Amino acid sequence: MIAALATLGIILTLWVVPNSTNHVLNRESGMVKGSFNKVLAEPRLLKLNFGIMCLHILLMSTFVALPGQLADAGFPAAEHWKVYLATMVIAFAAVVPFIIYAEVKRRMKQVFLFCVGLIIVAEILLWEAGQHFWELVIGVQLFFLAF
């Protein structure tokens, strides 16, 4: 099914989407020679990129370890989706007030630091949870609230 939809997308792109006749270089959305090295050397972007890399390493390692932990806690692998779905729905609903607060009160840095601390607490809880199912669920919930 995925392959069929991908093929359909390629066909639509090749024969239905019109070709552009007017090519304009826009510095905001295009690649400008010589700018790439400046971007890579920008200290603020280096910190941002490093932080994003660390966050995604944590996410990946959590999803590698978590299924085994849930199985060890006696939760069957076929049921793991229930934990993930509930976690994502709750996290999405709960994070909206934090975003609104951070934007309205201009407290983005404080909310960001709170979330970093919450991720650390969540990872410690997941590490210490062992075979305790509800500790794992709470740890995953805290992780995605902060993520």
Protein backbone atom coordinates (compact mmCIF):
# COMPACT_ATOMS: atom_id res chain seq x y z
CA MET A 1 0.00 0.00 0.00
CA ILE A 2 2.79 2.41 0.93
CA ALA A 3 4.69 1.59 -2.27
CA ALA A 4 1.56 2.19 -4.35
CA LEU A 5 0.95 5.58 -2.72
CA ALA A 6 4.61 6.54 -3.16
CA THR A 7 4.43 5.60 -6.84
CA LEU A 8 1.22 7.61 -7.21
CA GLY A 9 2.95 10.59 -5.58
CA ILE A 10 5.87 10.34 -8.01
CA ILE A 11 3.51 10.14 -10.98
CA LEU A 12 1.51 13.15 -9.78
CA THR A 13 4.70 15.13 -9.25
CA LEU A 14 6.05 14.32 -12.69
CA TRP A 15 2.90 14.78 -14.79
CA VAL A 16 0.36 16.85 -12.84
CA VAL A 17 2.37 19.47 -10.93
CA PRO A 18 3.25 22.27 -13.37
CA ASN A 19 6.89 23.15 -14.04
CA SER A 20 8.11 26.53 -12.87
CA THR A 21 9.32 28.85 -15.58
CA ASN A 22 10.44 31.67 -13.30
CA HIS A 23 13.36 30.66 -11.04
CA VAL A 24 14.18 33.25 -8.40
CA LEU A 25 16.97 32.82 -5.84
CA ASN A 26 15.66 33.66 -2.41
CA ARG A 27 18.32 33.95 0.33
CA GLU A 28 15.73 32.95 2.93
CA SER A 29 14.86 29.61 1.38
CA GLY A 30 17.73 28.74 -0.92
CA MET A 31 21.37 27.78 -0.61
CA VAL A 32 23.80 30.68 -0.98
CA LYS A 33 27.41 29.73 -1.68
CA GLY A 34 29.71 30.55 1.22
CA SER A 35 26.91 30.77 3.77
CA PHE A 36 26.97 27.12 4.72
CA ASN A 37 30.32 27.37 6.54
CA LYS A 38 29.12 30.47 8.41
CA VAL A 39 26.03 28.62 9.58
CA LEU A 40 28.05 25.62 10.74
CA ALA A 41 30.42 27.85 12.72
CA GLU A 42 27.72 29.96 14.41
CA PRO A 43 28.13 29.32 18.19
CA ARG A 44 24.44 29.70 19.05
CA LEU A 45 23.45 27.26 16.33
CA LEU A 46 26.16 24.83 17.47
CA LYS A 47 24.61 24.78 20.96
CA LEU A 48 21.14 24.36 19.50
CA ASN A 49 22.20 21.56 17.16
CA PHE A 50 24.07 19.77 19.95
CA GLY A 51 21.02 20.01 22.21
CA ILE A 52 18.73 18.66 19.50
CA MET A 53 21.17 15.81 18.84
CA CYS A 54 21.25 14.91 22.56
CA LEU A 55 17.46 15.03 22.76
CA HIS A 56 17.09 12.70 19.80
CA ILE A 57 19.72 10.32 21.20
CA LEU A 58 17.68 10.17 24.42
CA LEU A 59 14.48 9.57 22.44
CA MET A 60 16.06 6.82 20.37
CA SER A 61 17.69 5.09 23.34
CA THR A 62 14.45 5.27 25.31
CA PHE A 63 12.52 3.61 22.49
CA VAL A 64 15.20 0.93 22.18
CA ALA A 65 15.13 0.08 25.89
CA LEU A 66 11.47 0.67 26.76
CA PRO A 67 9.84 -2.28 24.94
CA GLY A 68 12.12 -4.70 26.78
CA GLN A 69 11.36 -3.05 30.09
CA LEU A 70 7.61 -3.17 29.46
CA ALA A 71 7.87 -6.85 28.50
CA ASP A 72 9.91 -7.57 31.65
CA ALA A 73 7.19 -5.85 33.67
CA GLY A 74 4.69 -8.38 32.30
CA PHE A 75 3.05 -6.15 29.71
CA PRO A 76 2.69 -8.07 26.42
CA ALA A 77 4.37 -6.60 23.34
CA ALA A 78 1.09 -6.63 21.40
CA GLU A 79 -0.34 -4.19 23.95
CA HIS A 80 2.52 -1.65 24.00
CA TRP A 81 0.68 0.60 21.57
CA LYS A 82 -1.88 1.35 24.28
CA VAL A 83 0.80 2.84 26.52
CA TYR A 84 2.26 4.86 23.65
CA LEU A 85 -1.12 6.14 22.43
CA ALA A 86 -2.31 7.18 25.89
CA THR A 87 1.04 8.82 26.57
CA MET A 88 1.01 10.84 23.35
CA VAL A 89 -2.61 11.99 23.75
CA ILE A 90 -2.09 13.06 27.37
CA ALA A 91 1.24 14.73 26.61
CA PHE A 92 -0.20 16.64 23.65
CA ALA A 93 -3.15 17.89 25.69
CA ALA A 94 -1.02 18.78 28.71
CA VAL A 95 1.74 20.59 26.82
CA VAL A 96 -0.58 23.16 25.23
CA PRO A 97 -1.02 25.18 28.48
CA PHE A 98 2.78 25.22 28.96
CA ILE A 99 3.27 26.57 25.44
CA ILE A 100 0.60 29.23 25.93
CA TYR A 101 2.10 30.24 29.29
CA ALA A 102 5.61 30.42 27.84
CA GLU A 103 4.49 32.54 24.90
CA VAL A 104 2.12 34.88 26.74
CA LYS A 105 4.33 35.47 29.80
CA ARG A 106 7.55 35.43 27.75
CA ARG A 107 8.98 32.68 29.95
CA MET A 108 10.29 30.44 27.20
CA LYS A 109 13.69 29.91 28.86
CA GLN A 110 12.14 29.00 32.23
CA VAL A 111 9.75 26.52 30.62
CA PHE A 112 12.62 25.12 28.55
CA LEU A 113 14.80 24.62 31.65
CA PHE A 114 11.86 23.05 33.48
CA CYS A 115 11.44 20.60 30.60
CA VAL A 116 15.15 19.74 30.63
CA GLY A 117 14.88 18.97 34.34
CA LEU A 118 11.72 16.95 33.74
CA ILE A 119 13.48 14.85 31.09
CA ILE A 120 16.29 14.14 33.55
CA VAL A 121 13.76 13.09 36.20
CA ALA A 122 11.92 10.93 33.65
CA GLU A 123 15.12 9.18 32.55
CA ILE A 124 16.13 8.50 36.16
CA LEU A 125 12.65 7.11 36.84
CA LEU A 126 12.82 4.90 33.74
CA TRP A 127 16.28 3.71 34.75
CA GLU A 128 15.21 2.86 38.29
CA ALA A 129 11.78 1.44 37.39
CA GLY A 130 12.98 -2.08 36.65
CA GLN A 131 9.93 -4.32 36.36
CA HIS A 132 7.45 -1.91 37.94
CA PHE A 133 4.89 -1.25 35.22
CA TRP A 134 3.33 1.94 36.58
CA GLU A 135 6.71 3.53 37.25
CA LEU A 136 7.56 2.88 33.60
CA VAL A 137 4.29 4.45 32.45
CA ILE A 138 4.83 7.52 34.65
CA GLY A 139 8.42 7.82 33.40
CA VAL A 140 7.31 7.65 29.77
CA GLN A 141 4.56 10.19 30.44
CA LEU A 142 6.98 12.62 32.07
CA PHE A 143 9.44 12.14 29.21
CA PHE A 144 6.88 13.05 26.57
CA LEU A 145 5.47 15.93 28.59
CA ALA A 146 8.96 17.42 28.57
CA PHE A 147 9.88 16.40 25.04
